[in-house]
Amino acid sequence: MMRQKIRWKPIAPGKDSITVCPRCGSLNIQLSSKFDAWLMPKRYVCEDCGYVGPLVLEIDKEDQKNKKRK
């Protein structure tokens, strides 16, 4: 499933990246509240599958564009 699509590639600092849900691969994921990463640890919420947790995937924008073309 999602594990097969993932390959380790460190993102260079300063590059643009896209935050992706680790469960369904959706781009519709955001921080759960404005206090996350300030008072409390980061917690992300996916609007599509309902995932709630501290982990997300970051993908280079260039990689995302290349996937759409294929």
N, C-alpha and C. Protein backbone atom coordinates (compact mmCIF):
# COMPACT_ATOMS: atom_id res chain seq x y z
N MET A 1 0.83 -1.17 0.00
CA MET A 1 0.00 0.00 0.00
C MET A 1 0.88 1.25 0.00
N MET A 2 0.71 2.10 0.98
CA MET A 2 1.44 3.35 1.03
C MET A 2 2.93 3.11 1.24
N ARG A 3 3.27 2.05 1.97
CA ARG A 3 4.66 1.76 2.27
C ARG A 3 5.45 1.48 0.99
N GLN A 4 4.81 0.91 0.00
CA GLN A 4 5.48 0.60 -1.25
C GLN A 4 5.79 1.86 -2.05
N LYS A 5 5.03 2.91 -1.86
CA LYS A 5 5.22 4.14 -2.61
C LYS A 5 6.29 5.04 -2.00
N ILE A 6 6.66 4.76 -0.75
CA ILE A 6 7.59 5.63 -0.03
C ILE A 6 9.02 5.19 -0.28
N ARG A 7 9.87 6.15 -0.55
CA ARG A 7 11.30 5.89 -0.60
C ARG A 7 11.99 7.03 0.13
N TRP A 8 13.06 6.73 0.81
CA TRP A 8 13.75 7.73 1.62
C TRP A 8 14.55 8.65 0.73
N LYS A 9 14.26 9.94 0.83
CA LYS A 9 15.00 10.95 0.10
C LYS A 9 14.96 12.21 0.95
N PRO A 10 16.06 12.57 1.59
CA PRO A 10 16.02 13.76 2.44
C PRO A 10 15.72 15.01 1.62
N ILE A 11 14.91 15.88 2.19
CA ILE A 11 14.55 17.13 1.54
C ILE A 11 15.58 18.19 1.92
N ALA A 12 16.13 18.82 0.92
CA ALA A 12 17.15 19.84 1.16
C ALA A 12 16.51 21.05 1.85
N PRO A 13 17.21 21.66 2.79
CA PRO A 13 16.66 22.85 3.46
C PRO A 13 16.37 23.96 2.46
N GLY A 14 15.26 24.62 2.65
CA GLY A 14 14.89 25.73 1.77
C GLY A 14 14.07 25.31 0.56
N LYS A 15 13.96 24.01 0.31
CA LYS A 15 13.15 23.55 -0.81
C LYS A 15 11.68 23.54 -0.42
N ASP A 16 10.83 23.75 -1.38
CA ASP A 16 9.39 23.70 -1.13
C ASP A 16 8.95 22.24 -1.00
N SER A 17 8.09 21.99 -0.03
CA SER A 17 7.58 20.64 0.15
C SER A 17 6.08 20.68 0.38
N ILE A 18 5.46 19.53 0.16
CA ILE A 18 4.03 19.38 0.32
C ILE A 18 3.80 18.40 1.47
N THR A 19 2.87 18.71 2.35
CA THR A 19 2.52 17.84 3.46
C THR A 19 1.43 16.87 3.01
N VAL A 20 1.65 15.57 3.26
CA VAL A 20 0.76 14.52 2.78
C VAL A 20 0.37 13.62 3.94
N CYS A 21 -0.87 13.17 3.94
CA CYS A 21 -1.36 12.24 4.97
C CYS A 21 -0.65 10.89 4.85
N PRO A 22 -0.14 10.35 5.96
CA PRO A 22 0.54 9.05 5.90
C PRO A 22 -0.41 7.87 5.70
N ARG A 23 -1.68 8.03 5.97
CA ARG A 23 -2.64 6.93 5.84
C ARG A 23 -3.20 6.82 4.42
N CYS A 24 -3.69 7.94 3.87
CA CYS A 24 -4.38 7.87 2.58
C CYS A 24 -3.65 8.60 1.44
N GLY A 25 -2.61 9.39 1.77
CA GLY A 25 -1.87 10.10 0.74
C GLY A 25 -2.53 11.39 0.29
N SER A 26 -3.53 11.86 1.02
CA SER A 26 -4.26 13.07 0.66
C SER A 26 -3.44 14.33 0.95
N LEU A 27 -3.66 15.35 0.15
CA LEU A 27 -3.03 16.65 0.39
C LEU A 27 -3.87 17.51 1.31
N ASN A 28 -5.04 17.03 1.68
CA ASN A 28 -5.99 17.78 2.51
C ASN A 28 -5.72 17.51 3.99
N ILE A 29 -4.52 17.90 4.46
CA ILE A 29 -4.13 17.68 5.85
C ILE A 29 -3.60 18.99 6.41
N GLN A 30 -3.92 19.24 7.68
CA GLN A 30 -3.53 20.51 8.30
C GLN A 30 -3.34 20.33 9.80
N LEU A 31 -2.74 21.33 10.45
CA LEU A 31 -2.59 21.29 11.90
C LEU A 31 -3.96 21.35 12.54
N SER A 32 -4.11 20.66 13.68
CA SER A 32 -5.43 20.57 14.30
C SER A 32 -5.88 21.88 14.94
N SER A 33 -4.95 22.71 15.42
CA SER A 33 -5.33 24.00 15.98
C SER A 33 -4.19 24.99 15.84
N LYS A 34 -4.47 26.24 16.11
CA LYS A 34 -3.44 27.26 15.98
C LYS A 34 -2.41 27.19 17.10
N PHE A 35 -2.70 26.42 18.15
CA PHE A 35 -1.76 26.30 19.25
C PHE A 35 -0.75 25.17 19.06
N ASP A 36 -0.96 24.33 18.04
CA ASP A 36 -0.01 23.25 17.77
C ASP A 36 1.34 23.85 17.42
N ALA A 37 2.39 23.21 17.90
CA ALA A 37 3.77 23.61 17.68
C ALA A 37 4.13 24.89 18.44
N TRP A 38 3.23 25.39 19.24
CA TRP A 38 3.54 26.54 20.07
C TRP A 38 3.45 26.13 21.54
N LEU A 39 2.28 25.73 21.98
CA LEU A 39 2.10 25.28 23.35
C LEU A 39 2.13 23.75 23.46
N MET A 40 1.69 23.09 22.42
CA MET A 40 1.56 21.63 22.44
C MET A 40 2.32 21.05 21.24
N PRO A 41 2.61 19.75 21.28
CA PRO A 41 3.24 19.13 20.10
C PRO A 41 2.33 19.22 18.87
N LYS A 42 2.94 19.19 17.70
CA LYS A 42 2.16 19.24 16.46
C LYS A 42 1.23 18.04 16.38
N ARG A 43 0.01 18.29 15.92
CA ARG A 43 -0.97 17.22 15.69
C ARG A 43 -1.72 17.57 14.41
N TYR A 44 -1.63 16.70 13.44
CA TYR A 44 -2.24 16.93 12.14
C TYR A 44 -3.56 16.18 12.03
N VAL A 45 -4.46 16.74 11.21
CA VAL A 45 -5.77 16.12 10.96
C VAL A 45 -5.98 16.06 9.45
N CYS A 46 -6.36 14.87 8.96
CA CYS A 46 -6.68 14.69 7.55
C CYS A 46 -8.20 14.79 7.40
N GLU A 47 -8.64 15.66 6.53
CA GLU A 47 -10.07 15.85 6.31
C GLU A 47 -10.69 14.71 5.51
N ASP A 48 -9.88 13.97 4.75
CA ASP A 48 -10.42 12.91 3.90
C ASP A 48 -10.63 11.59 4.64
N CYS A 49 -9.61 11.13 5.40
CA CYS A 49 -9.73 9.82 6.04
C CYS A 49 -9.89 9.89 7.56
N GLY A 50 -9.75 11.07 8.14
CA GLY A 50 -9.92 11.22 9.58
C GLY A 50 -8.68 10.96 10.41
N TYR A 51 -7.53 10.79 9.76
CA TYR A 51 -6.28 10.56 10.49
C TYR A 51 -5.99 11.73 11.43
N VAL A 52 -5.59 11.41 12.66
CA VAL A 52 -5.15 12.42 13.62
C VAL A 52 -3.86 11.91 14.24
N GLY A 53 -2.79 12.68 14.14
CA GLY A 53 -1.53 12.23 14.71
C GLY A 53 -0.40 13.21 14.44
N PRO A 54 0.76 12.92 15.03
CA PRO A 54 1.90 13.83 14.92
C PRO A 54 2.74 13.61 13.66
N LEU A 55 2.52 12.54 12.93
CA LEU A 55 3.36 12.22 11.78
C LEU A 55 2.68 12.56 10.47
N VAL A 56 3.45 13.15 9.55
CA VAL A 56 3.00 13.41 8.19
C VAL A 56 4.16 13.13 7.25
N LEU A 57 3.86 13.01 5.98
CA LEU A 57 4.89 12.84 4.96
C LEU A 57 5.11 14.18 4.28
N GLU A 58 6.37 14.47 3.95
CA GLU A 58 6.68 15.67 3.18
C GLU A 58 7.27 15.25 1.86
N ILE A 59 6.71 15.76 0.78
CA ILE A 59 7.14 15.41 -0.58
C ILE A 59 7.57 16.69 -1.28
N ASP A 60 8.66 16.61 -2.05
CA ASP A 60 9.08 17.76 -2.86
C ASP A 60 7.99 18.09 -3.87
N LYS A 61 7.79 19.37 -4.12
CA LYS A 61 6.80 19.77 -5.12
C LYS A 61 7.16 19.23 -6.50
N GLU A 62 8.47 19.14 -6.79
CA GLU A 62 8.91 18.61 -8.09
C GLU A 62 8.52 17.15 -8.24
N ASP A 63 8.68 16.37 -7.17
CA ASP A 63 8.30 14.96 -7.22
C ASP A 63 6.80 14.81 -7.45
N GLN A 64 6.00 15.65 -6.81
CA GLN A 64 4.54 15.59 -6.97
C GLN A 64 4.15 15.91 -8.41
N LYS A 65 4.81 16.90 -9.02
CA LYS A 65 4.51 17.25 -10.41
C LYS A 65 4.87 16.10 -11.35
N ASN A 66 6.01 15.44 -11.08
CA ASN A 66 6.43 14.32 -11.92
C ASN A 66 5.45 13.16 -11.82
N LYS A 67 4.88 12.91 -10.63
CA LYS A 67 3.91 11.82 -10.46
C LYS A 67 2.65 12.11 -11.24
N LYS A 68 2.22 13.37 -11.28
CA LYS A 68 1.00 13.73 -12.00
C LYS A 68 1.17 13.53 -13.49
N ARG A 69 2.37 13.77 -14.01
CA ARG A 69 2.62 13.63 -15.44
C ARG A 69 2.58 12.18 -15.88
N LYS A 70 2.99 11.26 -14.99
CA LYS A 70 3.08 9.84 -15.37
C LYS A 70 1.76 9.18 -15.42
